[in-house]
Amino acid sequence: MEMDQWTVDLKPGTNKIERNSYESIYVV
């Protein structure tokens, strides 16, 4: 099941991405 989907702007090198469950575009 798809839980979430979002866009990010990646920069050269290491990218640390954090995303909270309540931010999911599918839920309210």
mmCIF file of all heavy atoms, coordinates in Angstrom:
data_MODEL
# 
_entry.id   MODEL 
# 
loop_
_atom_site.group_PDB 
_atom_site.id 
_atom_site.type_symbol 
_atom_site.label_atom_id 
_atom_site.label_alt_id 
_atom_site.label_comp_id 
_atom_site.label_asym_id 
_atom_site.label_entity_id 
_atom_site.label_seq_id 
_atom_site.pdbx_PDB_ins_code 
_atom_site.Cartn_x 
_atom_site.Cartn_y 
_atom_site.Cartn_z 
_atom_site.occupancy 
_atom_site.B_iso_or_equiv 
_atom_site.pdbx_formal_charge 
_atom_site.auth_seq_id 
_atom_site.auth_comp_id 
_atom_site.auth_asym_id 
_atom_site.auth_atom_id 
_atom_site.pdbx_PDB_model_num 
ATOM 1   N N   . MET A 1 1  ? 0.848  -1.194 0.000  1.00 0.00 ? 1  MET A N   1 
ATOM 2   C CA  . MET A 1 1  ? 0.000  0.000  0.000  1.00 0.00 ? 1  MET A CA  1 
ATOM 3   C C   . MET A 1 1  ? 0.883  1.243  0.000  1.00 0.00 ? 1  MET A C   1 
ATOM 4   O O   . MET A 1 1  ? 1.863  1.309  0.746  1.00 0.00 ? 1  MET A O   1 
ATOM 5   C CB  . MET A 1 1  ? -0.884 -0.001 1.247  1.00 0.00 ? 1  MET A CB  1 
ATOM 6   C CG  . MET A 1 1  ? -1.832 1.196  1.323  1.00 0.00 ? 1  MET A CG  1 
ATOM 7   S SD  . MET A 1 1  ? -2.800 1.228  2.852  1.00 0.00 ? 1  MET A SD  1 
ATOM 8   C CE  . MET A 1 1  ? -1.567 1.867  3.995  1.00 0.00 ? 1  MET A CE  1 
ATOM 9   N N   . GLU A 1 2  ? 0.541  2.198  -0.846 1.00 0.00 ? 2  GLU A N   1 
ATOM 10  C CA  . GLU A 1 2  ? 1.308  3.445  -0.862 1.00 0.00 ? 2  GLU A CA  1 
ATOM 11  C C   . GLU A 1 2  ? 0.933  4.283  0.352  1.00 0.00 ? 2  GLU A C   1 
ATOM 12  O O   . GLU A 1 2  ? -0.228 4.624  0.557  1.00 0.00 ? 2  GLU A O   1 
ATOM 13  C CB  . GLU A 1 2  ? 1.048  4.224  -2.151 1.00 0.00 ? 2  GLU A CB  1 
ATOM 14  C CG  . GLU A 1 2  ? 1.964  5.422  -2.289 1.00 0.00 ? 2  GLU A CG  1 
ATOM 15  C CD  . GLU A 1 2  ? 1.997  5.996  -3.685 1.00 0.00 ? 2  GLU A CD  1 
ATOM 16  O OE1 . GLU A 1 2  ? 1.453  5.354  -4.599 1.00 0.00 ? 2  GLU A OE1 1 
ATOM 17  O OE2 . GLU A 1 2  ? 2.576  7.089  -3.855 1.00 0.00 ? 2  GLU A OE2 1 
ATOM 18  N N   . MET A 1 3  ? 1.935  4.617  1.155  1.00 0.00 ? 3  MET A N   1 
ATOM 19  C CA  . MET A 1 3  ? 1.715  5.334  2.406  1.00 0.00 ? 3  MET A CA  1 
ATOM 20  C C   . MET A 1 3  ? 1.824  6.847  2.242  1.00 0.00 ? 3  MET A C   1 
ATOM 21  O O   . MET A 1 3  ? 1.139  7.608  2.913  1.00 0.00 ? 3  MET A O   1 
ATOM 22  C CB  . MET A 1 3  ? 2.745  4.884  3.445  1.00 0.00 ? 3  MET A CB  1 
ATOM 23  C CG  . MET A 1 3  ? 2.701  3.409  3.770  1.00 0.00 ? 3  MET A CG  1 
ATOM 24  S SD  . MET A 1 3  ? 1.381  3.031  4.910  1.00 0.00 ? 3  MET A SD  1 
ATOM 25  C CE  . MET A 1 3  ? 2.132  3.588  6.440  1.00 0.00 ? 3  MET A CE  1 
ATOM 26  N N   . ASP A 1 4  ? 2.717  7.269  1.362  1.00 0.00 ? 4  ASP A N   1 
ATOM 27  C CA  . ASP A 1 4  ? 2.961  8.707  1.227  1.00 0.00 ? 4  ASP A CA  1 
ATOM 28  C C   . ASP A 1 4  ? 3.714  8.952  -0.064 1.00 0.00 ? 4  ASP A C   1 
ATOM 29  O O   . ASP A 1 4  ? 4.300  8.037  -0.666 1.00 0.00 ? 4  ASP A O   1 
ATOM 30  C CB  . ASP A 1 4  ? 3.763  9.221  2.429  1.00 0.00 ? 4  ASP A CB  1 
ATOM 31  C CG  . ASP A 1 4  ? 3.687  10.738 2.586  1.00 0.00 ? 4  ASP A CG  1 
ATOM 32  O OD1 . ASP A 1 4  ? 3.012  11.388 1.778  1.00 0.00 ? 4  ASP A OD1 1 
ATOM 33  O OD2 . ASP A 1 4  ? 4.310  11.264 3.531  1.00 0.00 ? 4  ASP A OD2 1 
ATOM 34  N N   . GLN A 1 5  ? 3.716  10.218 -0.480 1.00 0.00 ? 5  GLN A N   1 
ATOM 35  C CA  . GLN A 1 5  ? 4.415  10.635 -1.692 1.00 0.00 ? 5  GLN A CA  1 
ATOM 36  C C   . GLN A 1 5  ? 4.629  12.135 -1.594 1.00 0.00 ? 5  GLN A C   1 
ATOM 37  O O   . GLN A 1 5  ? 3.699  12.877 -1.297 1.00 0.00 ? 5  GLN A O   1 
ATOM 38  C CB  . GLN A 1 5  ? 3.555  10.285 -2.913 1.00 0.00 ? 5  GLN A CB  1 
ATOM 39  C CG  . GLN A 1 5  ? 4.187  10.665 -4.228 1.00 0.00 ? 5  GLN A CG  1 
ATOM 40  C CD  . GLN A 1 5  ? 3.256  10.379 -5.400 1.00 0.00 ? 5  GLN A CD  1 
ATOM 41  O OE1 . GLN A 1 5  ? 3.204  11.171 -6.320 1.00 0.00 ? 5  GLN A OE1 1 
ATOM 42  N NE2 . GLN A 1 5  ? 2.532  9.265  -5.360 1.00 0.00 ? 5  GLN A NE2 1 
ATOM 43  N N   . TRP A 1 6  ? 5.856  12.572 -1.796 1.00 0.00 ? 6  TRP A N   1 
ATOM 44  C CA  . TRP A 1 6  ? 6.131  14.006 -1.710 1.00 0.00 ? 6  TRP A CA  1 
ATOM 45  C C   . TRP A 1 6  ? 7.370  14.342 -2.532 1.00 0.00 ? 6  TRP A C   1 
ATOM 46  O O   . TRP A 1 6  ? 8.167  13.466 -2.880 1.00 0.00 ? 6  TRP A O   1 
ATOM 47  C CB  . TRP A 1 6  ? 6.310  14.434 -0.252 1.00 0.00 ? 6  TRP A CB  1 
ATOM 48  C CG  . TRP A 1 6  ? 7.561  13.971 0.438  1.00 0.00 ? 6  TRP A CG  1 
ATOM 49  C CD1 . TRP A 1 6  ? 8.733  14.662 0.588  1.00 0.00 ? 6  TRP A CD1 1 
ATOM 50  C CD2 . TRP A 1 6  ? 7.777  12.694 1.077  1.00 0.00 ? 6  TRP A CD2 1 
ATOM 51  N NE1 . TRP A 1 6  ? 9.651  13.913 1.280  1.00 0.00 ? 6  TRP A NE1 1 
ATOM 52  C CE2 . TRP A 1 6  ? 9.090  12.710 1.603  1.00 0.00 ? 6  TRP A CE2 1 
ATOM 53  C CE3 . TRP A 1 6  ? 6.993  11.548 1.270  1.00 0.00 ? 6  TRP A CE3 1 
ATOM 54  C CZ2 . TRP A 1 6  ? 9.640  11.616 2.278  1.00 0.00 ? 6  TRP A CZ2 1 
ATOM 55  C CZ3 . TRP A 1 6  ? 7.531  10.463 1.945  1.00 0.00 ? 6  TRP A CZ3 1 
ATOM 56  C CH2 . TRP A 1 6  ? 8.840  10.509 2.445  1.00 0.00 ? 6  TRP A CH2 1 
ATOM 57  N N   . THR A 1 7  ? 7.523  15.617 -2.858 1.00 0.00 ? 7  THR A N   1 
ATOM 58  C CA  . THR A 1 7  ? 8.660  16.052 -3.652 1.00 0.00 ? 7  THR A CA  1 
ATOM 59  C C   . THR A 1 7  ? 9.728  16.667 -2.761 1.00 0.00 ? 7  THR A C   1 
ATOM 60  O O   . THR A 1 7  ? 9.428  17.259 -1.719 1.00 0.00 ? 7  THR A O   1 
ATOM 61  C CB  . THR A 1 7  ? 8.240  17.077 -4.715 1.00 0.00 ? 7  THR A CB  1 
ATOM 62  O OG1 . THR A 1 7  ? 7.617  18.192 -4.077 1.00 0.00 ? 7  THR A OG1 1 
ATOM 63  C CG2 . THR A 1 7  ? 7.276  16.457 -5.713 1.00 0.00 ? 7  THR A CG2 1 
ATOM 64  N N   . VAL A 1 8  ? 10.982 16.526 -3.187 1.00 0.00 ? 8  VAL A N   1 
ATOM 65  C CA  . VAL A 1 8  ? 12.119 17.097 -2.468 1.00 0.00 ? 8  VAL A CA  1 
ATOM 66  C C   . VAL A 1 8  ? 13.087 17.688 -3.488 1.00 0.00 ? 8  VAL A C   1 
ATOM 67  O O   . VAL A 1 8  ? 13.132 17.267 -4.646 1.00 0.00 ? 8  VAL A O   1 
ATOM 68  C CB  . VAL A 1 8  ? 12.853 16.041 -1.610 1.00 0.00 ? 8  VAL A CB  1 
ATOM 69  C CG1 . VAL A 1 8  ? 11.970 15.539 -0.487 1.00 0.00 ? 8  VAL A CG1 1 
ATOM 70  C CG2 . VAL A 1 8  ? 13.337 14.872 -2.471 1.00 0.00 ? 8  VAL A CG2 1 
ATOM 71  N N   . ASP A 1 9  ? 13.845 18.671 -3.065 1.00 0.00 ? 9  ASP A N   1 
ATOM 72  C CA  . ASP A 1 9  ? 14.909 19.242 -3.891 1.00 0.00 ? 9  ASP A CA  1 
ATOM 73  C C   . ASP A 1 9  ? 16.235 18.685 -3.384 1.00 0.00 ? 9  ASP A C   1 
ATOM 74  O O   . ASP A 1 9  ? 16.696 19.048 -2.300 1.00 0.00 ? 9  ASP A O   1 
ATOM 75  C CB  . ASP A 1 9  ? 14.901 20.765 -3.806 1.00 0.00 ? 9  ASP A CB  1 
ATOM 76  C CG  . ASP A 1 9  ? 13.667 21.376 -4.457 1.00 0.00 ? 9  ASP A CG  1 
ATOM 77  O OD1 . ASP A 1 9  ? 13.374 21.000 -5.613 1.00 0.00 ? 9  ASP A OD1 1 
ATOM 78  O OD2 . ASP A 1 9  ? 12.996 22.210 -3.811 1.00 0.00 ? 9  ASP A OD2 1 
ATOM 79  N N   . LEU A 1 10 ? 16.816 17.782 -4.173 1.00 0.00 ? 10 LEU A N   1 
ATOM 80  C CA  . LEU A 1 10 ? 18.087 17.182 -3.782 1.00 0.00 ? 10 LEU A CA  1 
ATOM 81  C C   . LEU A 1 10 ? 19.244 18.100 -4.157 1.00 0.00 ? 10 LEU A C   1 
ATOM 82  O O   . LEU A 1 10 ? 19.232 18.745 -5.211 1.00 0.00 ? 10 LEU A O   1 
ATOM 83  C CB  . LEU A 1 10 ? 18.261 15.819 -4.468 1.00 0.00 ? 10 LEU A CB  1 
ATOM 84  C CG  . LEU A 1 10 ? 17.212 14.744 -4.127 1.00 0.00 ? 10 LEU A CG  1 
ATOM 85  C CD1 . LEU A 1 10 ? 17.497 13.470 -4.919 1.00 0.00 ? 10 LEU A CD1 1 
ATOM 86  C CD2 . LEU A 1 10 ? 17.207 14.448 -2.631 1.00 0.00 ? 10 LEU A CD2 1 
ATOM 87  N N   . LYS A 1 11 ? 20.234 18.139 -3.284 1.00 0.00 ? 11 LYS A N   1 
ATOM 88  C CA  . LYS A 1 11 ? 21.448 18.926 -3.519 1.00 0.00 ? 11 LYS A CA  1 
ATOM 89  C C   . LYS A 1 11 ? 22.625 17.974 -3.656 1.00 0.00 ? 11 LYS A C   1 
ATOM 90  O O   . LYS A 1 11 ? 22.567 16.825 -3.196 1.00 0.00 ? 11 LYS A O   1 
ATOM 91  C CB  . LYS A 1 11 ? 21.676 19.901 -2.358 1.00 0.00 ? 11 LYS A CB  1 
ATOM 92  C CG  . LYS A 1 11 ? 20.568 20.950 -2.218 1.00 0.00 ? 11 LYS A CG  1 
ATOM 93  C CD  . LYS A 1 11 ? 20.799 21.848 -1.022 1.00 0.00 ? 11 LYS A CD  1 
ATOM 94  C CE  . LYS A 1 11 ? 19.774 22.986 -0.984 1.00 0.00 ? 11 LYS A CE  1 
ATOM 95  N NZ  . LYS A 1 11 ? 18.392 22.508 -1.005 1.00 0.00 ? 11 LYS A NZ  1 
ATOM 96  N N   . PRO A 1 12 ? 23.715 18.401 -4.267 1.00 0.00 ? 12 PRO A N   1 
ATOM 97  C CA  . PRO A 1 12 ? 24.880 17.520 -4.396 1.00 0.00 ? 12 PRO A CA  1 
ATOM 98  C C   . PRO A 1 12 ? 25.370 17.057 -3.023 1.00 0.00 ? 12 PRO A C   1 
ATOM 99  O O   . PRO A 1 12 ? 25.433 17.838 -2.071 1.00 0.00 ? 12 PRO A O   1 
ATOM 100 C CB  . PRO A 1 12 ? 25.921 18.407 -5.086 1.00 0.00 ? 12 PRO A CB  1 
ATOM 101 C CG  . PRO A 1 12 ? 25.116 19.439 -5.809 1.00 0.00 ? 12 PRO A CG  1 
ATOM 102 C CD  . PRO A 1 12 ? 23.934 19.696 -4.938 1.00 0.00 ? 12 PRO A CD  1 
ATOM 103 N N   . GLY A 1 13 ? 25.670 15.762 -2.922 1.00 0.00 ? 13 GLY A N   1 
ATOM 104 C CA  . GLY A 1 13 ? 26.152 15.211 -1.663 1.00 0.00 ? 13 GLY A CA  1 
ATOM 105 C C   . GLY A 1 13 ? 25.047 14.518 -0.886 1.00 0.00 ? 13 GLY A C   1 
ATOM 106 O O   . GLY A 1 13 ? 24.071 14.026 -1.451 1.00 0.00 ? 13 GLY A O   1 
ATOM 107 N N   . THR A 1 14 ? 25.192 14.519 0.421  1.00 0.00 ? 14 THR A N   1 
ATOM 108 C CA  . THR A 1 14 ? 24.258 13.813 1.299  1.00 0.00 ? 14 THR A CA  1 
ATOM 109 C C   . THR A 1 14 ? 23.046 14.675 1.633  1.00 0.00 ? 14 THR A C   1 
ATOM 110 O O   . THR A 1 14 ? 23.182 15.844 2.001  1.00 0.00 ? 14 THR A O   1 
ATOM 111 C CB  . THR A 1 14 ? 24.963 13.394 2.603  1.00 0.00 ? 14 THR A CB  1 
ATOM 112 O OG1 . THR A 1 14 ? 26.061 12.530 2.285  1.00 0.00 ? 14 THR A OG1 1 
ATOM 113 C CG2 . THR A 1 14 ? 24.001 12.657 3.522  1.00 0.00 ? 14 THR A CG2 1 
ATOM 114 N N   . ASN A 1 15 ? 21.868 14.086 1.487  1.00 0.00 ? 15 ASN A N   1 
ATOM 115 C CA  . ASN A 1 15 ? 20.617 14.767 1.804  1.00 0.00 ? 15 ASN A CA  1 
ATOM 116 C C   . ASN A 1 15 ? 19.901 13.989 2.905  1.00 0.00 ? 15 ASN A C   1 
ATOM 117 O O   . ASN A 1 15 ? 19.614 12.797 2.751  1.00 0.00 ? 15 ASN A O   1 
ATOM 118 C CB  . ASN A 1 15 ? 19.702 14.831 0.577  1.00 0.00 ? 15 ASN A CB  1 
ATOM 119 C CG  . ASN A 1 15 ? 20.273 15.664 -0.551 1.00 0.00 ? 15 ASN A CG  1 
ATOM 120 O OD1 . ASN A 1 15 ? 19.946 16.830 -0.715 1.00 0.00 ? 15 ASN A OD1 1 
ATOM 121 N ND2 . ASN A 1 15 ? 21.146 15.050 -1.365 1.00 0.00 ? 15 ASN A ND2 1 
ATOM 122 N N   . LYS A 1 16 ? 19.628 14.659 4.003  1.00 0.00 ? 16 LYS A N   1 
ATOM 123 C CA  . LYS A 1 16 ? 18.890 14.045 5.110  1.00 0.00 ? 16 LYS A CA  1 
ATOM 124 C C   . LYS A 1 16 ? 17.419 14.460 4.986  1.00 0.00 ? 16 LYS A C   1 
ATOM 125 O O   . LYS A 1 16 ? 17.087 15.638 5.105  1.00 0.00 ? 16 LYS A O   1 
ATOM 126 C CB  . LYS A 1 16 ? 19.443 14.508 6.456  1.00 0.00 ? 16 LYS A CB  1 
ATOM 127 C CG  . LYS A 1 16 ? 20.905 14.130 6.701  1.00 0.00 ? 16 LYS A CG  1 
ATOM 128 C CD  . LYS A 1 16 ? 21.045 12.644 7.006  1.00 0.00 ? 16 LYS A CD  1 
ATOM 129 C CE  . LYS A 1 16 ? 22.477 12.294 7.411  1.00 0.00 ? 16 LYS A CE  1 
ATOM 130 N NZ  . LYS A 1 16 ? 22.627 10.857 7.735  1.00 0.00 ? 16 LYS A NZ  1 
ATOM 131 N N   . ILE A 1 17 ? 16.562 13.488 4.765  1.00 0.00 ? 17 ILE A N   1 
ATOM 132 C CA  . ILE A 1 17 ? 15.135 13.758 4.562  1.00 0.00 ? 17 ILE A CA  1 
ATOM 133 C C   . ILE A 1 17 ? 14.346 13.176 5.731  1.00 0.00 ? 17 ILE A C   1 
ATOM 134 O O   . ILE A 1 17 ? 14.525 12.011 6.083  1.00 0.00 ? 17 ILE A O   1 
ATOM 135 C CB  . ILE A 1 17 ? 14.640 13.130 3.244  1.00 0.00 ? 17 ILE A CB  1 
ATOM 136 C CG1 . ILE A 1 17 ? 15.439 13.667 2.062  1.00 0.00 ? 17 ILE A CG1 1 
ATOM 137 C CG2 . ILE A 1 17 ? 13.146 13.386 3.051  1.00 0.00 ? 17 ILE A CG2 1 
ATOM 138 C CD1 . ILE A 1 17 ? 15.156 12.937 0.759  1.00 0.00 ? 17 ILE A CD1 1 
ATOM 139 N N   . GLU A 1 18 ? 13.509 13.994 6.328  1.00 0.00 ? 18 GLU A N   1 
ATOM 140 C CA  . GLU A 1 18 ? 12.618 13.521 7.382  1.00 0.00 ? 18 GLU A CA  1 
ATOM 141 C C   . GLU A 1 18 ? 11.181 13.840 7.000  1.00 0.00 ? 18 GLU A C   1 
ATOM 142 O O   . GLU A 1 18 ? 10.890 14.912 6.480  1.00 0.00 ? 18 GLU A O   1 
ATOM 143 C CB  . GLU A 1 18 ? 12.967 14.158 8.732  1.00 0.00 ? 18 GLU A CB  1 
ATOM 144 C CG  . GLU A 1 18 ? 14.277 13.662 9.310  1.00 0.00 ? 18 GLU A CG  1 
ATOM 145 C CD  . GLU A 1 18 ? 14.460 14.066 10.770 1.00 0.00 ? 18 GLU A CD  1 
ATOM 146 O OE1 . GLU A 1 18 ? 13.641 14.897 11.256 1.00 0.00 ? 18 GLU A OE1 1 
ATOM 147 O OE2 . GLU A 1 18 ? 15.372 13.557 11.422 1.00 0.00 ? 18 GLU A OE2 1 
ATOM 148 N N   . ARG A 1 19 ? 10.316 12.913 7.272  1.00 0.00 ? 19 ARG A N   1 
ATOM 149 C CA  . ARG A 1 19 ? 8.903  13.081 6.925  1.00 0.00 ? 19 ARG A CA  1 
ATOM 150 C C   . ARG A 1 19 ? 8.061  12.423 8.013  1.00 0.00 ? 19 ARG A C   1 
ATOM 151 O O   . ARG A 1 19 ? 8.228  11.240 8.311  1.00 0.00 ? 19 ARG A O   1 
ATOM 152 C CB  . ARG A 1 19 ? 8.629  12.419 5.575  1.00 0.00 ? 19 ARG A CB  1 
ATOM 153 C CG  . ARG A 1 19 ? 7.184  12.462 5.119  1.00 0.00 ? 19 ARG A CG  1 
ATOM 154 C CD  . ARG A 1 19 ? 6.800  13.786 4.523  1.00 0.00 ? 19 ARG A CD  1 
ATOM 155 N NE  . ARG A 1 19 ? 5.552  13.690 3.760  1.00 0.00 ? 19 ARG A NE  1 
ATOM 156 C CZ  . ARG A 1 19 ? 5.004  14.686 3.085  1.00 0.00 ? 19 ARG A CZ  1 
ATOM 157 N NH1 . ARG A 1 19 ? 5.588  15.878 3.075  1.00 0.00 ? 19 ARG A NH1 1 
ATOM 158 N NH2 . ARG A 1 19 ? 3.888  14.514 2.421  1.00 0.00 ? 19 ARG A NH2 1 
ATOM 159 N N   . ASN A 1 20 ? 7.158  13.196 8.613  1.00 0.00 ? 20 ASN A N   1 
ATOM 160 C CA  . ASN A 1 20 ? 6.287  12.676 9.662  1.00 0.00 ? 20 ASN A CA  1 
ATOM 161 C C   . ASN A 1 20 ? 5.069  11.985 9.062  1.00 0.00 ? 20 ASN A C   1 
ATOM 162 O O   . ASN A 1 20 ? 4.585  12.379 7.992  1.00 0.00 ? 20 ASN A O   1 
ATOM 163 C CB  . ASN A 1 20 ? 5.829  13.811 10.580 1.00 0.00 ? 20 ASN A CB  1 
ATOM 164 C CG  . ASN A 1 20 ? 6.984  14.410 11.351 1.00 0.00 ? 20 ASN A CG  1 
ATOM 165 O OD1 . ASN A 1 20 ? 7.760  13.688 11.962 1.00 0.00 ? 20 ASN A OD1 1 
ATOM 166 N ND2 . ASN A 1 20 ? 7.112  15.725 11.317 1.00 0.00 ? 20 ASN A ND2 1 
ATOM 167 N N   . SER A 1 21 ? 4.569  10.984 9.746  1.00 0.00 ? 21 SER A N   1 
ATOM 168 C CA  . SER A 1 21 ? 3.417  10.231 9.247  1.00 0.00 ? 21 SER A CA  1 
ATOM 169 C C   . SER A 1 21 ? 2.201  11.129 9.068  1.00 0.00 ? 21 SER A C   1 
ATOM 170 O O   . SER A 1 21 ? 1.434  10.963 8.115  1.00 0.00 ? 21 SER A O   1 
ATOM 171 C CB  . SER A 1 21 ? 3.089  9.081  10.201 1.00 0.00 ? 21 SER A CB  1 
ATOM 172 O OG  . SER A 1 21 ? 2.818  9.559  11.509 1.00 0.00 ? 21 SER A OG  1 
ATOM 173 N N   . TYR A 1 22 ? 2.012  12.103 9.959  1.00 0.00 ? 22 TYR A N   1 
ATOM 174 C CA  . TYR A 1 22 ? 0.832  12.956 9.858  1.00 0.00 ? 22 TYR A CA  1 
ATOM 175 C C   . TYR A 1 22 ? 0.942  13.976 8.732  1.00 0.00 ? 22 TYR A C   1 
ATOM 176 O O   . TYR A 1 22 ? -0.013 14.704 8.455  1.00 0.00 ? 22 TYR A O   1 
ATOM 177 C CB  . TYR A 1 22 ? 0.549  13.658 11.189 1.00 0.00 ? 22 TYR A CB  1 
ATOM 178 C CG  . TYR A 1 22 ? 1.681  14.479 11.750 1.00 0.00 ? 22 TYR A CG  1 
ATOM 179 C CD1 . TYR A 1 22 ? 1.953  15.755 11.262 1.00 0.00 ? 22 TYR A CD1 1 
ATOM 180 C CD2 . TYR A 1 22 ? 2.472  13.988 12.782 1.00 0.00 ? 22 TYR A CD2 1 
ATOM 181 C CE1 . TYR A 1 22 ? 2.982  16.515 11.775 1.00 0.00 ? 22 TYR A CE1 1 
ATOM 182 C CE2 . TYR A 1 22 ? 3.516  14.741 13.306 1.00 0.00 ? 22 TYR A CE2 1 
ATOM 183 C CZ  . TYR A 1 22 ? 3.769  16.001 12.803 1.00 0.00 ? 22 TYR A CZ  1 
ATOM 184 O OH  . TYR A 1 22 ? 4.800  16.749 13.310 1.00 0.00 ? 22 TYR A OH  1 
ATOM 185 N N   . GLU A 1 23 ? 2.110  14.033 8.055  1.00 0.00 ? 23 GLU A N   1 
ATOM 186 C CA  . GLU A 1 23 ? 2.265  14.916 6.893  1.00 0.00 ? 23 GLU A CA  1 
ATOM 187 C C   . GLU A 1 23 ? 1.841  14.241 5.593  1.00 0.00 ? 23 GLU A C   1 
ATOM 188 O O   . GLU A 1 23 ? 1.835  14.886 4.541  1.00 0.00 ? 23 GLU A O   1 
ATOM 189 C CB  . GLU A 1 23 ? 3.722  15.355 6.759  1.00 0.00 ? 23 GLU A CB  1 
ATOM 190 C CG  . GLU A 1 23 ? 4.219  16.260 7.860  1.00 0.00 ? 23 GLU A CG  1 
ATOM 191 C CD  . GLU A 1 23 ? 5.671  16.647 7.665  1.00 0.00 ? 23 GLU A CD  1 
ATOM 192 O OE1 . GLU A 1 23 ? 6.553  15.788 7.882  1.00 0.00 ? 23 GLU A OE1 1 
ATOM 193 O OE2 . GLU A 1 23 ? 5.918  17.800 7.281  1.00 0.00 ? 23 GLU A OE2 1 
ATOM 194 N N   . SER A 1 24 ? 1.511  12.963 5.639  1.00 0.00 ? 24 SER A N   1 
ATOM 195 C CA  . SER A 1 24 ? 1.166  12.228 4.422  1.00 0.00 ? 24 SER A CA  1 
ATOM 196 C C   . SER A 1 24 ? 0.100  12.955 3.619  1.00 0.00 ? 24 SER A C   1 
ATOM 197 O O   . SER A 1 24 ? -0.897 13.436 4.172  1.00 0.00 ? 24 SER A O   1 
ATOM 198 C CB  . SER A 1 24 ? 0.677  10.819 4.770  1.00 0.00 ? 24 SER A CB  1 
ATOM 199 O OG  . SER A 1 24 ? 0.171  10.170 3.610  1.00 0.00 ? 24 SER A OG  1 
ATOM 200 N N   . ILE A 1 25 ? 0.295  13.012 2.326  1.00 0.00 ? 25 ILE A N   1 
ATOM 201 C CA  . ILE A 1 25 ? -0.657 13.696 1.453  1.00 0.00 ? 25 ILE A CA  1 
ATOM 202 C C   . ILE A 1 25 ? -1.967 12.941 1.319  1.00 0.00 ? 25 ILE A C   1 
ATOM 203 O O   . ILE A 1 25 ? -2.940 13.478 0.789  1.00 0.00 ? 25 ILE A O   1 
ATOM 204 C CB  . ILE A 1 25 ? -0.068 13.909 0.047  1.00 0.00 ? 25 ILE A CB  1 
ATOM 205 C CG1 . ILE A 1 25 ? 0.360  12.573 -0.546 1.00 0.00 ? 25 ILE A CG1 1 
ATOM 206 C CG2 . ILE A 1 25 ? 1.074  14.898 0.079  1.00 0.00 ? 25 ILE A CG2 1 
ATOM 207 C CD1 . ILE A 1 25 ? 0.768  12.654 -1.989 1.00 0.00 ? 25 ILE A CD1 1 
ATOM 208 N N   . TYR A 1 26 ? -2.010 11.716 1.809  1.00 0.00 ? 26 TYR A N   1 
ATOM 209 C CA  . TYR A 1 26 ? -3.211 10.904 1.654  1.00 0.00 ? 26 TYR A CA  1 
ATOM 210 C C   . TYR A 1 26 ? -4.130 10.935 2.867  1.00 0.00 ? 26 TYR A C   1 
ATOM 211 O O   . TYR A 1 26 ? -5.232 10.405 2.811  1.00 0.00 ? 26 TYR A O   1 
ATOM 212 C CB  . TYR A 1 26 ? -2.830 9.448  1.374  1.00 0.00 ? 26 TYR A CB  1 
ATOM 213 C CG  . TYR A 1 26 ? -1.902 9.268  0.209  1.00 0.00 ? 26 TYR A CG  1 
ATOM 214 C CD1 . TYR A 1 26 ? -0.870 8.339  0.247  1.00 0.00 ? 26 TYR A CD1 1 
ATOM 215 C CD2 . TYR A 1 26 ? -2.055 10.035 -0.939 1.00 0.00 ? 26 TYR A CD2 1 
ATOM 216 C CE1 . TYR A 1 26 ? -0.018 8.173  -0.830 1.00 0.00 ? 26 TYR A CE1 1 
ATOM 217 C CE2 . TYR A 1 26 ? -1.206 9.882  -2.016 1.00 0.00 ? 26 TYR A CE2 1 
ATOM 218 C CZ  . TYR A 1 26 ? -0.190 8.942  -1.964 1.00 0.00 ? 26 TYR A CZ  1 
ATOM 219 O OH  . TYR A 1 26 ? 0.650  8.788  -3.023 1.00 0.00 ? 26 TYR A OH  1 
ATOM 220 N N   . VAL A 1 27 ? -3.697 11.489 3.970  1.00 0.00 ? 27 VAL A N   1 
ATOM 221 C CA  . VAL A 1 27 ? -4.463 11.350 5.205  1.00 0.00 ? 27 VAL A CA  1 
ATOM 222 C C   . VAL A 1 27 ? -4.933 12.696 5.738  1.00 0.00 ? 27 VAL A C   1 
ATOM 223 O O   . VAL A 1 27 ? -4.385 13.747 5.406  1.00 0.00 ? 27 VAL A O   1 
ATOM 224 C CB  . VAL A 1 27 ? -3.636 10.634 6.298  1.00 0.00 ? 27 VAL A CB  1 
ATOM 225 C CG1 . VAL A 1 27 ? -3.164 9.276  5.818  1.00 0.00 ? 27 VAL A CG1 1 
ATOM 226 C CG2 . VAL A 1 27 ? -2.455 11.488 6.754  1.00 0.00 ? 27 VAL A CG2 1 
ATOM 227 N N   . VAL A 1 28 ? -5.953 12.605 6.554  1.00 0.00 ? 28 VAL A N   1 
ATOM 228 C CA  . VAL A 1 28 ? -6.467 13.782 7.271  1.00 0.00 ? 28 VAL A CA  1 
ATOM 229 C C   . VAL A 1 28 ? -6.717 13.375 8.719  1.00 0.00 ? 28 VAL A C   1 
ATOM 230 O O   . VAL A 1 28 ? -6.899 12.200 9.020  1.00 0.00 ? 28 VAL A O   1 
ATOM 231 C CB  . VAL A 1 28 ? -7.777 14.308 6.641  1.00 0.00 ? 28 VAL A CB  1 
ATOM 232 C CG1 . VAL A 1 28 ? -7.526 14.879 5.263  1.00 0.00 ? 28 VAL A CG1 1 
ATOM 233 C CG2 . VAL A 1 28 ? -8.844 13.225 6.613  1.00 0.00 ? 28 VAL A CG2 1 
# 
